[in-house]
Amino acid sequence: MTDNVQDKSQLVDEIVEVIASEGMVDRSKITPDASIESLDLKSVDIVMILTALEEKFNVYIPMDGSLQEAKDVKSLIEAIADHIQKEREKQ
């Protein structure tokens, strides 16, 4: 159980790093309660971030459902992390 929590925490950190580098956002601004708008991320930035995450984790991340509904960083990261974990379990 602790491994899962630790894995998810590490996964979240890696996702935040990709958001910071691909979205060209200051890492300190990427907080759970920050809105996607406040980070000035446009849909093209989100696509670039998702593409980089797909390459990094070798999974396909569809731009629908919980990802499309995400309005803040926490829900976006949660949606991505959950999807990556589910894809990893299939492999």
N, C-alpha and C. Protein backbone atom coordinates (compact mmCIF):
# COMPACT_ATOMS: atom_id res chain seq x y z
N MET A 1 0.83 -1.20 0.00
CA MET A 1 0.00 0.00 0.00
C MET A 1 0.87 1.26 0.00
N THR A 2 1.91 1.27 0.85
CA THR A 2 2.79 2.42 0.91
C THR A 2 3.50 2.63 -0.43
N ASP A 3 3.84 1.53 -1.10
CA ASP A 3 4.48 1.62 -2.41
C ASP A 3 3.59 2.36 -3.39
N ASN A 4 2.29 2.05 -3.37
CA ASN A 4 1.35 2.71 -4.27
C ASN A 4 1.29 4.22 -4.03
N VAL A 5 1.25 4.60 -2.76
CA VAL A 5 1.21 6.02 -2.41
C VAL A 5 2.51 6.69 -2.84
N GLN A 6 3.62 6.01 -2.57
CA GLN A 6 4.94 6.54 -2.94
C GLN A 6 5.05 6.63 -4.47
N ASP A 7 4.60 5.60 -5.16
CA ASP A 7 4.62 5.59 -6.62
C ASP A 7 3.80 6.75 -7.18
N LYS A 8 2.61 6.94 -6.61
CA LYS A 8 1.75 8.01 -7.10
C LYS A 8 2.38 9.37 -6.81
N SER A 9 2.99 9.53 -5.64
CA SER A 9 3.64 10.79 -5.29
C SER A 9 4.79 11.08 -6.26
N GLN A 10 5.57 10.06 -6.58
CA GLN A 10 6.67 10.22 -7.53
C GLN A 10 6.11 10.53 -8.92
N LEU A 11 5.05 9.85 -9.29
CA LEU A 11 4.40 10.07 -10.58
C LEU A 11 3.90 11.51 -10.69
N VAL A 12 3.27 12.01 -9.63
CA VAL A 12 2.77 13.39 -9.60
C VAL A 12 3.94 14.36 -9.77
N ASP A 13 5.05 14.10 -9.08
CA ASP A 13 6.22 14.97 -9.21
C ASP A 13 6.73 15.00 -10.65
N GLU A 14 6.76 13.83 -11.28
CA GLU A 14 7.23 13.74 -12.66
C GLU A 14 6.29 14.48 -13.61
N ILE A 15 4.99 14.37 -13.36
CA ILE A 15 4.00 15.05 -14.19
C ILE A 15 4.17 16.56 -14.05
N VAL A 16 4.37 17.03 -12.81
CA VAL A 16 4.57 18.47 -12.56
C VAL A 16 5.81 18.96 -13.30
N GLU A 17 6.87 18.16 -13.28
CA GLU A 17 8.10 18.53 -14.00
C GLU A 17 7.83 18.71 -15.49
N VAL A 18 7.06 17.79 -16.07
CA VAL A 18 6.74 17.88 -17.50
C VAL A 18 5.88 19.11 -17.78
N ILE A 19 4.90 19.37 -16.91
CA ILE A 19 4.06 20.57 -17.08
C ILE A 19 4.94 21.82 -17.04
N ALA A 20 5.87 21.86 -16.11
CA ALA A 20 6.76 23.02 -15.98
C ALA A 20 7.63 23.19 -17.23
N SER A 21 8.23 22.10 -17.70
CA SER A 21 9.14 22.23 -18.85
C SER A 21 8.40 22.43 -20.16
N GLU A 22 7.39 21.62 -20.42
CA GLU A 22 6.66 21.72 -21.69
C GLU A 22 5.75 22.94 -21.75
N GLY A 23 5.16 23.30 -20.62
CA GLY A 23 4.27 24.45 -20.59
C GLY A 23 5.00 25.75 -20.34
N MET A 24 6.33 25.63 -20.13
CA MET A 24 7.18 26.78 -19.81
C MET A 24 6.57 27.60 -18.67
N VAL A 25 6.27 26.88 -17.58
CA VAL A 25 5.67 27.49 -16.40
C VAL A 25 6.65 27.35 -15.24
N ASP A 26 6.76 28.39 -14.44
CA ASP A 26 7.60 28.35 -13.25
C ASP A 26 7.07 27.25 -12.33
N ARG A 27 7.94 26.33 -11.93
CA ARG A 27 7.53 25.18 -11.11
C ARG A 27 6.81 25.62 -9.84
N SER A 28 7.21 26.73 -9.27
CA SER A 28 6.60 27.19 -8.01
C SER A 28 5.14 27.62 -8.20
N LYS A 29 4.74 27.92 -9.43
CA LYS A 29 3.36 28.33 -9.70
C LYS A 29 2.43 27.13 -9.86
N ILE A 30 3.02 25.94 -10.02
CA ILE A 30 2.21 24.74 -10.23
C ILE A 30 1.83 24.16 -8.87
N THR A 31 0.74 24.70 -8.32
CA THR A 31 0.23 24.24 -7.04
C THR A 31 -1.12 23.57 -7.27
N PRO A 32 -1.53 22.67 -6.37
CA PRO A 32 -2.80 21.96 -6.58
C PRO A 32 -4.01 22.86 -6.80
N ASP A 33 -4.04 24.01 -6.13
CA ASP A 33 -5.21 24.86 -6.26
C ASP A 33 -5.10 25.90 -7.37
N ALA A 34 -3.97 25.90 -8.09
CA ALA A 34 -3.83 26.83 -9.22
C ALA A 34 -4.76 26.41 -10.35
N SER A 35 -5.38 27.39 -10.97
CA SER A 35 -6.23 27.05 -12.12
C SER A 35 -5.34 26.92 -13.35
N ILE A 36 -5.83 26.18 -14.33
CA ILE A 36 -5.07 26.00 -15.56
C ILE A 36 -4.93 27.36 -16.25
N GLU A 37 -5.97 28.18 -16.16
CA GLU A 37 -5.91 29.53 -16.74
C GLU A 37 -4.84 30.38 -16.08
N SER A 38 -4.69 30.26 -14.75
CA SER A 38 -3.70 31.09 -14.04
C SER A 38 -2.28 30.75 -14.47
N LEU A 39 -2.07 29.54 -14.98
CA LEU A 39 -0.75 29.15 -15.47
C LEU A 39 -0.55 29.60 -16.91
N ASP A 40 -1.62 30.17 -17.47
CA ASP A 40 -1.61 30.67 -18.86
C ASP A 40 -1.34 29.54 -19.85
N LEU A 41 -1.90 28.36 -19.55
CA LEU A 41 -1.76 27.22 -20.45
C LEU A 41 -2.90 27.23 -21.46
N LYS A 42 -2.54 27.23 -22.72
CA LYS A 42 -3.53 27.18 -23.80
C LYS A 42 -3.70 25.71 -24.20
N SER A 43 -4.71 25.44 -25.01
CA SER A 43 -4.95 24.05 -25.39
C SER A 43 -3.75 23.46 -26.12
N VAL A 44 -3.03 24.27 -26.89
CA VAL A 44 -1.84 23.75 -27.58
C VAL A 44 -0.77 23.36 -26.55
N ASP A 45 -0.67 24.10 -25.45
CA ASP A 45 0.29 23.74 -24.39
C ASP A 45 -0.10 22.42 -23.75
N ILE A 46 -1.40 22.24 -23.52
CA ILE A 46 -1.88 20.99 -22.92
C ILE A 46 -1.56 19.81 -23.83
N VAL A 47 -1.75 19.99 -25.13
CA VAL A 47 -1.44 18.93 -26.10
C VAL A 47 0.05 18.60 -26.05
N MET A 48 0.90 19.62 -25.99
CA MET A 48 2.35 19.40 -25.90
C MET A 48 2.72 18.66 -24.61
N ILE A 49 2.08 19.05 -23.52
CA ILE A 49 2.32 18.40 -22.23
C ILE A 49 1.89 16.93 -22.30
N LEU A 50 0.70 16.68 -22.83
CA LEU A 50 0.21 15.30 -22.93
C LEU A 50 1.10 14.46 -23.84
N THR A 51 1.55 15.04 -24.94
CA THR A 51 2.43 14.31 -25.86
C THR A 51 3.74 13.95 -25.16
N ALA A 52 4.30 14.89 -24.42
CA ALA A 52 5.54 14.62 -23.68
C ALA A 52 5.32 13.54 -22.62
N LEU A 53 4.17 13.58 -21.95
CA LEU A 53 3.86 12.57 -20.93
C LEU A 53 3.68 11.19 -21.58
N GLU A 54 3.04 11.16 -22.73
CA GLU A 54 2.85 9.89 -23.45
C GLU A 54 4.20 9.28 -23.80
N GLU A 55 5.12 10.12 -24.26
CA GLU A 55 6.46 9.62 -24.61
C GLU A 55 7.21 9.17 -23.36
N LYS A 56 7.13 9.97 -22.31
CA LYS A 56 7.86 9.67 -21.08
C LYS A 56 7.39 8.35 -20.45
N PHE A 57 6.06 8.15 -20.42
CA PHE A 57 5.51 6.99 -19.73
C PHE A 57 5.07 5.87 -20.67
N ASN A 58 5.25 6.10 -21.98
CA ASN A 58 4.91 5.10 -22.98
C ASN A 58 3.45 4.64 -22.88
N VAL A 59 2.55 5.62 -22.76
CA VAL A 59 1.10 5.34 -22.71
C VAL A 59 0.38 6.36 -23.58
N TYR A 60 -0.82 5.99 -24.01
CA TYR A 60 -1.67 6.92 -24.74
C TYR A 60 -2.59 7.60 -23.74
N ILE A 61 -2.66 8.92 -23.80
CA ILE A 61 -3.52 9.68 -22.88
C ILE A 61 -4.59 10.39 -23.71
N PRO A 62 -5.82 9.91 -23.67
CA PRO A 62 -6.89 10.56 -24.45
C PRO A 62 -7.28 11.90 -23.84
N MET A 63 -7.58 12.85 -24.70
CA MET A 63 -7.96 14.19 -24.23
C MET A 63 -9.48 14.23 -24.09
N ASP A 64 -9.99 13.47 -23.13
CA ASP A 64 -11.43 13.47 -22.92
C ASP A 64 -11.75 13.22 -21.46
N GLY A 65 -13.01 13.14 -21.15
CA GLY A 65 -13.45 12.81 -19.79
C GLY A 65 -12.87 13.73 -18.74
N SER A 66 -12.26 13.12 -17.73
CA SER A 66 -11.77 13.87 -16.58
C SER A 66 -10.67 14.87 -16.95
N LEU A 67 -9.93 14.58 -18.01
CA LEU A 67 -8.90 15.52 -18.44
C LEU A 67 -9.51 16.79 -19.01
N GLN A 68 -10.54 16.63 -19.79
CA GLN A 68 -11.20 17.78 -20.39
C GLN A 68 -11.94 18.61 -19.35
N GLU A 69 -12.43 17.95 -18.32
CA GLU A 69 -13.20 18.62 -17.28
C GLU A 69 -12.31 19.32 -16.26
N ALA A 70 -11.04 18.98 -16.23
CA ALA A 70 -10.12 19.55 -15.23
C ALA A 70 -10.03 21.07 -15.37
N LYS A 71 -10.26 21.75 -14.26
CA LYS A 71 -10.19 23.20 -14.25
C LYS A 71 -9.01 23.70 -13.40
N ASP A 72 -8.52 22.80 -12.54
CA ASP A 72 -7.36 23.19 -11.73
C ASP A 72 -6.25 22.15 -11.89
N VAL A 73 -5.09 22.52 -11.41
CA VAL A 73 -3.91 21.68 -11.57
C VAL A 73 -4.09 20.33 -10.88
N LYS A 74 -4.69 20.36 -9.69
CA LYS A 74 -4.87 19.11 -8.94
C LYS A 74 -5.70 18.10 -9.73
N SER A 75 -6.84 18.53 -10.27
CA SER A 75 -7.69 17.58 -11.00
C SER A 75 -7.03 17.14 -12.30
N LEU A 76 -6.26 18.03 -12.94
CA LEU A 76 -5.55 17.65 -14.17
C LEU A 76 -4.50 16.59 -13.86
N ILE A 77 -3.70 16.84 -12.83
CA ILE A 77 -2.65 15.89 -12.46
C ILE A 77 -3.24 14.56 -12.00
N GLU A 78 -4.31 14.63 -11.20
CA GLU A 78 -4.97 13.40 -10.74
C GLU A 78 -5.46 12.57 -11.93
N ALA A 79 -6.09 13.23 -12.89
CA ALA A 79 -6.62 12.52 -14.06
C ALA A 79 -5.49 11.87 -14.85
N ILE A 80 -4.40 12.59 -15.04
CA ILE A 80 -3.26 12.05 -15.79
C ILE A 80 -2.62 10.90 -15.01
N ALA A 81 -2.37 11.10 -13.72
CA ALA A 81 -1.72 10.07 -12.89
C ALA A 81 -2.57 8.80 -12.84
N ASP A 82 -3.88 8.95 -12.65
CA ASP A 82 -4.76 7.78 -12.61
C ASP A 82 -4.71 7.02 -13.93
N HIS A 83 -4.73 7.76 -15.01
CA HIS A 83 -4.70 7.12 -16.33
C HIS A 83 -3.38 6.36 -16.54
N ILE A 84 -2.26 7.00 -16.19
CA ILE A 84 -0.95 6.35 -16.36
C ILE A 84 -0.87 5.10 -15.50
N GLN A 85 -1.36 5.17 -14.25
CA GLN A 85 -1.32 4.00 -13.38
C GLN A 85 -2.16 2.85 -13.95
N LYS A 86 -3.33 3.16 -14.47
CA LYS A 86 -4.18 2.11 -15.06
C LYS A 86 -3.51 1.48 -16.27
N GLU A 87 -2.87 2.31 -17.10
CA GLU A 87 -2.17 1.79 -18.28
C GLU A 87 -0.99 0.92 -17.88
N ARG A 88 -0.27 1.32 -16.84
CA ARG A 88 0.87 0.53 -16.36
C ARG A 88 0.43 -0.84 -15.86
N GLU A 89 -0.74 -0.88 -15.21
CA GLU A 89 -1.24 -2.15 -14.68
C GLU A 89 -1.60 -3.12 -15.79
N LYS A 90 -1.96 -2.60 -16.96
CA LYS A 90 -2.31 -3.44 -18.09
C LYS A 90 -1.08 -4.09 -18.72
N GLN A 91 0.07 -3.42 -18.59
CA GLN A 91 1.29 -3.89 -19.26
C GLN A 91 1.88 -5.09 -18.60
